[in-house]
Amino acid sequence: MASPINSQKTVSDDEEIDYSIKPEFYDSDLDDKDELWIVKKRDGRTSDAVLSCPACFTTVCLECQRHEQYVTQYRAVFVVNCKEDKDKVLQHNAISPNLGKRMRDSEKIETGSADNERVNVVLCSACSTEIGVVDSQEIYHFFNVIPSEP
């Protein structure tokens, strides 16, 4: 094999980077700006977590309340990046603690009575992953999400 021409003059990428110039896509104040944005969005209200889709990590809720007994479930009124599946209506006597078990077939729609509450499936608007349900009072119940510190 032939050796490279002028191998003594070969320069690595690191040697070509001028570290004295601030990188174009770097903002040292970005964390502070993000925190101000979220405080403004919440309008002074607190949240137990920020919820993300488990498949694509898209943020789906900035302000939610953790379930008292089932710590992997959350409820919220204000959501982002969510869509309702109007074609998939479920019926429950109440929002069941078994929702976190991925809506087992025994819970899916059957011949319902008047005391059953209808809920629609909620999907991530970015990737259509099923992340929860929304009830008739427009309260979102999340059970398939990734929580992070608010």
N, C-alpha and C. Protein backbone atom coordinates (compact mmCIF):
# COMPACT_ATOMS: atom_id res chain seq x y z
N MET A 1 0.83 -1.19 0.00
CA MET A 1 0.00 0.00 0.00
C MET A 1 0.87 1.25 0.00
N ALA A 2 0.40 2.23 -0.71
CA ALA A 2 1.16 3.47 -0.78
C ALA A 2 0.88 4.32 0.44
N SER A 3 1.89 5.00 0.91
CA SER A 3 1.70 5.88 2.07
C SER A 3 1.13 7.21 1.61
N PRO A 4 0.37 7.89 2.49
CA PRO A 4 -0.21 9.17 2.10
C PRO A 4 0.86 10.20 1.76
N ILE A 5 0.55 11.03 0.82
CA ILE A 5 1.48 12.08 0.42
C ILE A 5 1.49 13.15 1.51
N ASN A 6 2.66 13.63 1.83
CA ASN A 6 2.85 14.67 2.85
C ASN A 6 2.20 14.27 4.18
N SER A 7 2.45 13.07 4.64
CA SER A 7 1.83 12.58 5.86
C SER A 7 2.19 13.44 7.06
N GLN A 8 3.28 14.15 7.02
CA GLN A 8 3.67 15.03 8.13
C GLN A 8 2.75 16.25 8.22
N LYS A 9 2.07 16.59 7.14
CA LYS A 9 1.20 17.77 7.12
C LYS A 9 -0.26 17.42 7.38
N THR A 10 -0.57 16.14 7.64
CA THR A 10 -1.95 15.74 7.92
C THR A 10 -2.38 16.36 9.24
N VAL A 11 -3.56 16.97 9.25
CA VAL A 11 -4.07 17.66 10.43
C VAL A 11 -5.39 17.02 10.84
N SER A 12 -5.56 16.76 12.13
CA SER A 12 -6.82 16.20 12.60
C SER A 12 -7.86 17.30 12.71
N ASP A 13 -9.12 16.90 12.82
CA ASP A 13 -10.20 17.87 12.95
C ASP A 13 -10.04 18.72 14.20
N ASP A 14 -9.55 18.14 15.28
CA ASP A 14 -9.38 18.89 16.53
C ASP A 14 -8.42 20.05 16.36
N GLU A 15 -7.43 19.86 15.54
CA GLU A 15 -6.45 20.92 15.34
C GLU A 15 -7.00 22.04 14.47
N GLU A 16 -8.06 21.78 13.73
CA GLU A 16 -8.65 22.79 12.86
C GLU A 16 -9.70 23.63 13.59
N ILE A 17 -10.16 23.19 14.75
CA ILE A 17 -11.20 23.90 15.48
C ILE A 17 -10.58 25.04 16.27
N ASP A 18 -11.16 26.20 16.13
CA ASP A 18 -10.69 27.37 16.88
C ASP A 18 -11.55 27.51 18.13
N TYR A 19 -11.03 27.09 19.27
CA TYR A 19 -11.78 27.10 20.52
C TYR A 19 -11.89 28.49 21.14
N SER A 20 -11.24 29.48 20.56
CA SER A 20 -11.35 30.84 21.10
C SER A 20 -12.64 31.52 20.65
N ILE A 21 -13.29 30.94 19.64
CA ILE A 21 -14.55 31.49 19.14
C ILE A 21 -15.70 30.70 19.77
N LYS A 22 -16.71 31.41 20.26
CA LYS A 22 -17.87 30.77 20.87
C LYS A 22 -18.61 29.95 19.82
N PRO A 23 -18.95 28.69 20.12
CA PRO A 23 -19.66 27.86 19.15
C PRO A 23 -21.00 28.49 18.74
N GLU A 24 -21.36 28.31 17.50
CA GLU A 24 -22.55 28.93 16.93
C GLU A 24 -23.85 28.47 17.59
N PHE A 25 -23.93 27.21 18.00
CA PHE A 25 -25.17 26.67 18.54
C PHE A 25 -25.15 26.49 20.06
N TYR A 26 -24.28 27.17 20.74
CA TYR A 26 -24.17 27.05 22.19
C TYR A 26 -24.73 28.29 22.85
N ASP A 27 -25.54 28.08 23.89
CA ASP A 27 -26.08 29.19 24.66
C ASP A 27 -25.95 28.84 26.14
N SER A 28 -25.04 29.48 26.81
CA SER A 28 -24.79 29.18 28.22
C SER A 28 -25.96 29.57 29.10
N ASP A 29 -26.85 30.42 28.62
CA ASP A 29 -28.01 30.85 29.39
C ASP A 29 -29.28 30.06 29.07
N LEU A 30 -29.15 29.01 28.29
CA LEU A 30 -30.32 28.27 27.83
C LEU A 30 -31.11 27.65 28.97
N ASP A 31 -30.45 27.08 29.97
CA ASP A 31 -31.17 26.49 31.11
C ASP A 31 -31.99 27.53 31.83
N ASP A 32 -31.43 28.71 32.03
CA ASP A 32 -32.16 29.80 32.71
C ASP A 32 -33.36 30.24 31.87
N LYS A 33 -33.17 30.33 30.56
CA LYS A 33 -34.27 30.72 29.66
C LYS A 33 -35.38 29.66 29.68
N ASP A 34 -35.00 28.38 29.68
CA ASP A 34 -35.99 27.30 29.73
C ASP A 34 -36.77 27.34 31.03
N GLU A 35 -36.09 27.60 32.13
CA GLU A 35 -36.77 27.67 33.43
C GLU A 35 -37.77 28.82 33.46
N LEU A 36 -37.40 29.97 32.94
CA LEU A 36 -38.32 31.12 32.88
C LEU A 36 -39.53 30.80 32.00
N TRP A 37 -39.30 30.10 30.90
CA TRP A 37 -40.39 29.74 30.00
C TRP A 37 -41.40 28.83 30.70
N ILE A 38 -40.91 27.81 31.44
CA ILE A 38 -41.81 26.88 32.11
C ILE A 38 -42.55 27.55 33.25
N VAL A 39 -41.91 28.45 33.97
CA VAL A 39 -42.57 29.19 35.06
C VAL A 39 -43.69 30.04 34.47
N LYS A 40 -43.44 30.67 33.34
CA LYS A 40 -44.46 31.49 32.68
C LYS A 40 -45.62 30.61 32.20
N LYS A 41 -45.32 29.43 31.63
CA LYS A 41 -46.35 28.53 31.14
C LYS A 41 -47.25 28.03 32.27
N ARG A 42 -46.66 27.74 33.43
CA ARG A 42 -47.43 27.21 34.56
C ARG A 42 -48.17 28.30 35.32
N ASP A 43 -47.81 29.53 35.11
CA ASP A 43 -48.50 30.66 35.73
C ASP A 43 -48.52 30.54 37.27
N GLY A 44 -47.39 30.12 37.84
CA GLY A 44 -47.27 30.05 39.28
C GLY A 44 -47.74 28.75 39.90
N ARG A 45 -48.36 27.86 39.12
CA ARG A 45 -48.84 26.59 39.66
C ARG A 45 -47.68 25.59 39.70
N THR A 46 -47.77 24.63 40.62
CA THR A 46 -46.72 23.62 40.72
C THR A 46 -47.16 22.33 40.02
N SER A 47 -46.20 21.46 39.82
CA SER A 47 -46.46 20.19 39.15
C SER A 47 -45.67 19.10 39.84
N ASP A 48 -46.22 17.89 39.83
CA ASP A 48 -45.51 16.75 40.39
C ASP A 48 -44.46 16.20 39.42
N ALA A 49 -44.63 16.46 38.13
CA ALA A 49 -43.68 15.95 37.14
C ALA A 49 -43.92 16.63 35.80
N VAL A 50 -42.96 16.48 34.91
CA VAL A 50 -43.13 16.80 33.50
C VAL A 50 -43.18 15.45 32.81
N LEU A 51 -44.21 15.22 32.00
CA LEU A 51 -44.44 13.90 31.41
C LEU A 51 -44.03 13.88 29.94
N SER A 52 -43.40 12.77 29.55
CA SER A 52 -42.96 12.59 28.17
C SER A 52 -43.45 11.26 27.63
N CYS A 53 -43.58 11.19 26.32
CA CYS A 53 -43.95 9.96 25.64
C CYS A 53 -42.83 8.94 25.82
N PRO A 54 -43.15 7.67 26.12
CA PRO A 54 -42.10 6.67 26.32
C PRO A 54 -41.43 6.22 25.02
N ALA A 55 -42.05 6.49 23.89
CA ALA A 55 -41.49 6.04 22.62
C ALA A 55 -40.59 7.07 21.96
N CYS A 56 -41.03 8.35 21.98
CA CYS A 56 -40.26 9.38 21.26
C CYS A 56 -39.77 10.51 22.15
N PHE A 57 -40.10 10.46 23.44
CA PHE A 57 -39.68 11.44 24.44
C PHE A 57 -40.24 12.84 24.22
N THR A 58 -41.29 12.97 23.43
CA THR A 58 -41.95 14.25 23.25
C THR A 58 -42.67 14.62 24.54
N THR A 59 -42.55 15.88 24.96
CA THR A 59 -43.24 16.34 26.16
C THR A 59 -44.74 16.34 25.90
N VAL A 60 -45.51 15.73 26.82
CA VAL A 60 -46.97 15.66 26.66
C VAL A 60 -47.70 16.41 27.77
N CYS A 61 -47.02 16.73 28.86
CA CYS A 61 -47.68 17.45 29.95
C CYS A 61 -46.64 18.17 30.81
N LEU A 62 -46.89 19.46 31.06
CA LEU A 62 -45.99 20.26 31.88
C LEU A 62 -46.49 20.42 33.31
N GLU A 63 -47.77 20.16 33.52
CA GLU A 63 -48.40 20.40 34.82
C GLU A 63 -49.36 19.25 35.12
N CYS A 64 -49.01 18.41 36.09
CA CYS A 64 -49.84 17.25 36.40
C CYS A 64 -49.80 16.93 37.89
N GLN A 65 -50.66 16.01 38.27
CA GLN A 65 -50.74 15.57 39.66
C GLN A 65 -50.58 14.06 39.68
N ARG A 66 -49.69 13.58 40.55
CA ARG A 66 -49.45 12.14 40.67
C ARG A 66 -50.59 11.49 41.44
N HIS A 67 -50.96 10.29 41.04
CA HIS A 67 -52.00 9.53 41.73
C HIS A 67 -51.50 9.20 43.13
N GLU A 68 -52.38 9.29 44.12
CA GLU A 68 -51.98 9.07 45.51
C GLU A 68 -51.52 7.64 45.77
N GLN A 69 -52.18 6.67 45.16
CA GLN A 69 -51.86 5.27 45.42
C GLN A 69 -50.97 4.66 44.35
N TYR A 70 -51.25 4.95 43.08
CA TYR A 70 -50.52 4.37 41.96
C TYR A 70 -49.53 5.40 41.44
N VAL A 71 -48.29 5.31 41.89
CA VAL A 71 -47.32 6.38 41.65
C VAL A 71 -46.86 6.51 40.20
N THR A 72 -47.21 5.57 39.35
CA THR A 72 -46.84 5.68 37.94
C THR A 72 -47.97 6.27 37.10
N GLN A 73 -49.04 6.72 37.75
CA GLN A 73 -50.17 7.31 37.03
C GLN A 73 -50.31 8.78 37.41
N TYR A 74 -50.74 9.58 36.43
CA TYR A 74 -50.86 11.02 36.62
C TYR A 74 -52.17 11.50 36.01
N ARG A 75 -52.65 12.64 36.48
CA ARG A 75 -53.82 13.26 35.87
C ARG A 75 -53.51 14.73 35.61
N ALA A 76 -54.15 15.26 34.58
CA ALA A 76 -53.88 16.63 34.17
C ALA A 76 -55.07 17.20 33.42
N VAL A 77 -55.11 18.52 33.36
CA VAL A 77 -56.13 19.22 32.60
C VAL A 77 -55.52 19.84 31.35
N PHE A 78 -54.30 20.36 31.49
CA PHE A 78 -53.62 21.02 30.37
C PHE A 78 -52.53 20.11 29.84
N VAL A 79 -52.60 19.80 28.55
CA VAL A 79 -51.63 18.90 27.92
C VAL A 79 -51.10 19.54 26.64
N VAL A 80 -50.00 19.02 26.16
CA VAL A 80 -49.42 19.44 24.89
C VAL A 80 -49.06 18.19 24.10
N ASN A 81 -49.03 18.29 22.81
CA ASN A 81 -48.61 17.21 21.93
C ASN A 81 -49.39 15.92 22.15
N CYS A 82 -50.69 16.07 22.42
CA CYS A 82 -51.58 14.91 22.61
C CYS A 82 -52.73 15.00 21.63
N LYS A 83 -53.24 13.85 21.25
CA LYS A 83 -54.44 13.81 20.42
C LYS A 83 -55.34 12.69 20.92
N GLU A 84 -56.64 12.92 20.82
CA GLU A 84 -57.62 11.91 21.23
C GLU A 84 -57.93 11.01 20.05
N ASP A 85 -58.07 9.74 20.35
CA ASP A 85 -58.52 8.79 19.34
C ASP A 85 -60.02 8.66 19.49
N LYS A 86 -60.78 9.46 18.73
CA LYS A 86 -62.24 9.49 18.82
C LYS A 86 -62.88 8.17 18.40
N ASP A 87 -62.14 7.37 17.63
CA ASP A 87 -62.67 6.09 17.16
C ASP A 87 -62.58 5.00 18.22
N LYS A 88 -61.75 5.20 19.21
CA LYS A 88 -61.53 4.18 20.24
C LYS A 88 -62.10 4.68 21.57
N VAL A 89 -63.35 4.34 21.82
CA VAL A 89 -64.04 4.76 23.05
C VAL A 89 -64.07 3.57 24.00
N LEU A 90 -63.68 3.81 25.24
CA LEU A 90 -63.68 2.77 26.26
C LEU A 90 -64.72 3.11 27.31
N GLN A 91 -65.17 2.11 28.03
CA GLN A 91 -66.13 2.35 29.11
C GLN A 91 -65.59 1.76 30.39
N HIS A 92 -65.75 2.52 31.50
CA HIS A 92 -65.31 2.07 32.81
C HIS A 92 -66.33 2.53 33.83
N ASN A 93 -66.45 1.79 34.91
CA ASN A 93 -67.29 2.25 36.02
C ASN A 93 -66.72 3.51 36.62
N ALA A 94 -65.44 3.60 36.68
CA ALA A 94 -64.68 4.77 37.12
C ALA A 94 -63.29 4.57 36.54
N ILE A 95 -62.44 5.57 36.66
CA ILE A 95 -61.08 5.39 36.19
C ILE A 95 -60.43 4.34 37.09
N SER A 96 -60.19 3.22 36.53
CA SER A 96 -59.73 2.04 37.27
C SER A 96 -58.25 2.09 37.56
N PRO A 97 -57.81 1.54 38.69
CA PRO A 97 -56.38 1.47 38.95
C PRO A 97 -55.67 0.53 37.98
N ASN A 98 -56.41 -0.29 37.28
CA ASN A 98 -55.80 -1.20 36.32
C ASN A 98 -55.47 -0.53 34.99
N LEU A 99 -55.75 0.77 34.86
CA LEU A 99 -55.41 1.46 33.63
C LEU A 99 -53.92 1.37 33.34
N GLY A 100 -53.12 1.36 34.36
CA GLY A 100 -51.69 1.27 34.19
C GLY A 100 -51.23 -0.05 33.62
N LYS A 101 -52.10 -0.99 33.53
CA LYS A 101 -51.77 -2.31 33.00
C LYS A 101 -52.12 -2.39 31.53
N ARG A 102 -52.01 -1.29 30.85
CA ARG A 102 -52.16 -1.19 29.40
C ARG A 102 -53.52 -1.61 28.88
N MET A 103 -54.56 -1.25 29.61
CA MET A 103 -55.93 -1.45 29.13
C MET A 103 -56.17 -2.89 28.69
N ARG A 104 -56.17 -3.78 29.61
CA ARG A 104 -56.39 -5.19 29.30
C ARG A 104 -57.71 -5.38 28.55
N ASP A 105 -57.79 -6.45 27.78
CA ASP A 105 -58.98 -6.70 26.97
C ASP A 105 -60.26 -6.75 27.79
N SER A 106 -60.17 -7.20 29.02
CA SER A 106 -61.37 -7.29 29.85
C SER A 106 -61.94 -5.92 30.17
N GLU A 107 -61.13 -4.89 30.04
CA GLU A 107 -61.59 -3.54 30.35
C GLU A 107 -62.11 -2.81 29.11
N LYS A 108 -61.81 -3.33 27.94
CA LYS A 108 -62.18 -2.62 26.73
C LYS A 108 -63.69 -2.63 26.54
N ILE A 109 -64.13 -1.88 25.58
CA ILE A 109 -65.55 -1.59 25.43
C ILE A 109 -66.39 -2.86 25.34
N GLU A 110 -67.44 -2.87 26.09
CA GLU A 110 -68.43 -3.94 26.08
C GLU A 110 -69.78 -3.27 26.10
N THR A 111 -70.82 -4.03 26.24
CA THR A 111 -72.14 -3.41 26.31
C THR A 111 -72.22 -2.67 27.63
N GLY A 112 -72.22 -1.35 27.55
CA GLY A 112 -72.14 -0.53 28.76
C GLY A 112 -73.51 -0.14 29.27
N SER A 113 -73.56 0.17 30.55
CA SER A 113 -74.79 0.66 31.14
C SER A 113 -74.67 2.16 31.37
N ALA A 114 -75.73 2.77 31.85
CA ALA A 114 -75.76 4.22 32.02
C ALA A 114 -74.76 4.71 33.07
N ASP A 115 -74.40 3.85 34.05
CA ASP A 115 -73.49 4.31 35.09
C ASP A 115 -72.02 4.19 34.69
N ASN A 116 -71.73 3.63 33.52
CA ASN A 116 -70.36 3.55 33.05
C ASN A 116 -69.93 4.89 32.47
N GLU A 117 -68.67 5.22 32.68
CA GLU A 117 -68.13 6.46 32.13
C GLU A 117 -67.35 6.14 30.86
N ARG A 118 -67.60 6.93 29.83
CA ARG A 118 -66.89 6.74 28.57
C ARG A 118 -65.60 7.55 28.59
N VAL A 119 -64.54 6.93 28.12
CA VAL A 119 -63.25 7.61 28.02
C VAL A 119 -62.68 7.35 26.62
N ASN A 120 -61.93 8.33 26.12
CA ASN A 120 -61.26 8.19 24.84
C ASN A 120 -59.78 7.97 25.07
N VAL A 121 -59.18 7.18 24.21
CA VAL A 121 -57.75 6.92 24.28
C VAL A 121 -57.00 8.19 23.87
N VAL A 122 -55.89 8.47 24.57
CA VAL A 122 -55.04 9.61 24.25
C VAL A 122 -53.74 9.09 23.65
N LEU A 123 -53.34 9.69 22.54
CA LEU A 123 -52.13 9.29 21.83
C LEU A 123 -51.14 10.44 21.79
N CYS A 124 -49.86 10.10 21.71
CA CYS A 124 -48.82 11.11 21.47
C CYS A 124 -49.01 11.61 20.05
N SER A 125 -49.05 12.92 19.86
CA SER A 125 -49.28 13.46 18.52
C SER A 125 -48.06 13.30 17.61
N ALA A 126 -46.90 13.05 18.19
CA ALA A 126 -45.70 12.88 17.37
C ALA A 126 -45.55 11.47 16.81
N CYS A 127 -45.87 10.45 17.65
CA CYS A 127 -45.61 9.07 17.20
C CYS A 127 -46.81 8.14 17.36
N SER A 128 -47.94 8.65 17.87
CA SER A 128 -49.20 7.90 18.03
C SER A 128 -49.13 6.76 19.03
N THR A 129 -48.22 6.85 20.00
CA THR A 129 -48.17 5.86 21.08
C THR A 129 -49.30 6.13 22.05
N GLU A 130 -49.97 5.08 22.51
CA GLU A 130 -51.06 5.23 23.48
C GLU A 130 -50.45 5.57 24.84
N ILE A 131 -50.83 6.74 25.38
CA ILE A 131 -50.22 7.20 26.63
C ILE A 131 -51.22 7.38 27.77
N GLY A 132 -52.51 7.30 27.48
CA GLY A 132 -53.49 7.46 28.54
C GLY A 132 -54.90 7.55 27.99
N VAL A 133 -55.79 8.13 28.81
CA VAL A 133 -57.18 8.33 28.41
C VAL A 133 -57.64 9.71 28.87
N VAL A 134 -58.72 10.18 28.26
CA VAL A 134 -59.35 11.43 28.69
C VAL A 134 -60.81 11.12 28.97
N ASP A 135 -61.31 11.61 30.12
CA ASP A 135 -62.68 11.29 30.51
C ASP A 135 -63.65 12.37 30.01
N SER A 136 -64.92 12.22 30.35
CA SER A 136 -65.95 13.13 29.86
C SER A 136 -65.81 14.54 30.45
N GLN A 137 -65.09 14.68 31.56
CA GLN A 137 -64.86 16.00 32.15
C GLN A 137 -63.58 16.64 31.63
N GLU A 138 -62.99 16.05 30.59
CA GLU A 138 -61.76 16.50 29.96
C GLU A 138 -60.57 16.49 30.91
N ILE A 139 -60.54 15.49 31.77
CA ILE A 139 -59.38 15.27 32.63
C ILE A 139 -58.59 14.13 32.00
N TYR A 140 -57.31 14.38 31.79
CA TYR A 140 -56.43 13.39 31.18
C TYR A 140 -55.84 12.51 32.27
N HIS A 141 -55.85 11.21 32.03
CA HIS A 141 -55.28 10.24 32.96
C HIS A 141 -54.15 9.53 32.21
N PHE A 142 -52.91 9.82 32.62
CA PHE A 142 -51.74 9.24 31.96
C PHE A 142 -51.25 8.03 32.73
N PHE A 143 -50.95 6.96 32.01
CA PHE A 143 -50.41 5.76 32.64
C PHE A 143 -49.25 5.17 31.88
N ASN A 144 -48.99 5.62 30.69
CA ASN A 144 -47.89 5.12 29.87
C ASN A 144 -47.00 6.29 29.47
N VAL A 145 -46.34 6.89 30.46
CA VAL A 145 -45.51 8.07 30.23
C VAL A 145 -44.22 7.97 31.04
N ILE A 146 -43.27 8.81 30.71
CA ILE A 146 -42.03 8.90 31.47
C ILE A 146 -42.05 10.21 32.24
N PRO A 147 -42.03 10.15 33.58
CA PRO A 147 -42.01 11.39 34.37
C PRO A 147 -40.59 11.88 34.58
N SER A 148 -40.43 13.19 34.69
CA SER A 148 -39.14 13.77 35.06
C SER A 148 -39.39 14.89 36.05
N GLU A 149 -38.37 15.33 36.72
CA GLU A 149 -38.51 16.36 37.73
C GLU A 149 -39.03 17.65 37.10
N PRO A 150 -39.97 18.31 37.78
CA PRO A 150 -40.51 19.56 37.21
C PRO A 150 -39.52 20.70 37.29
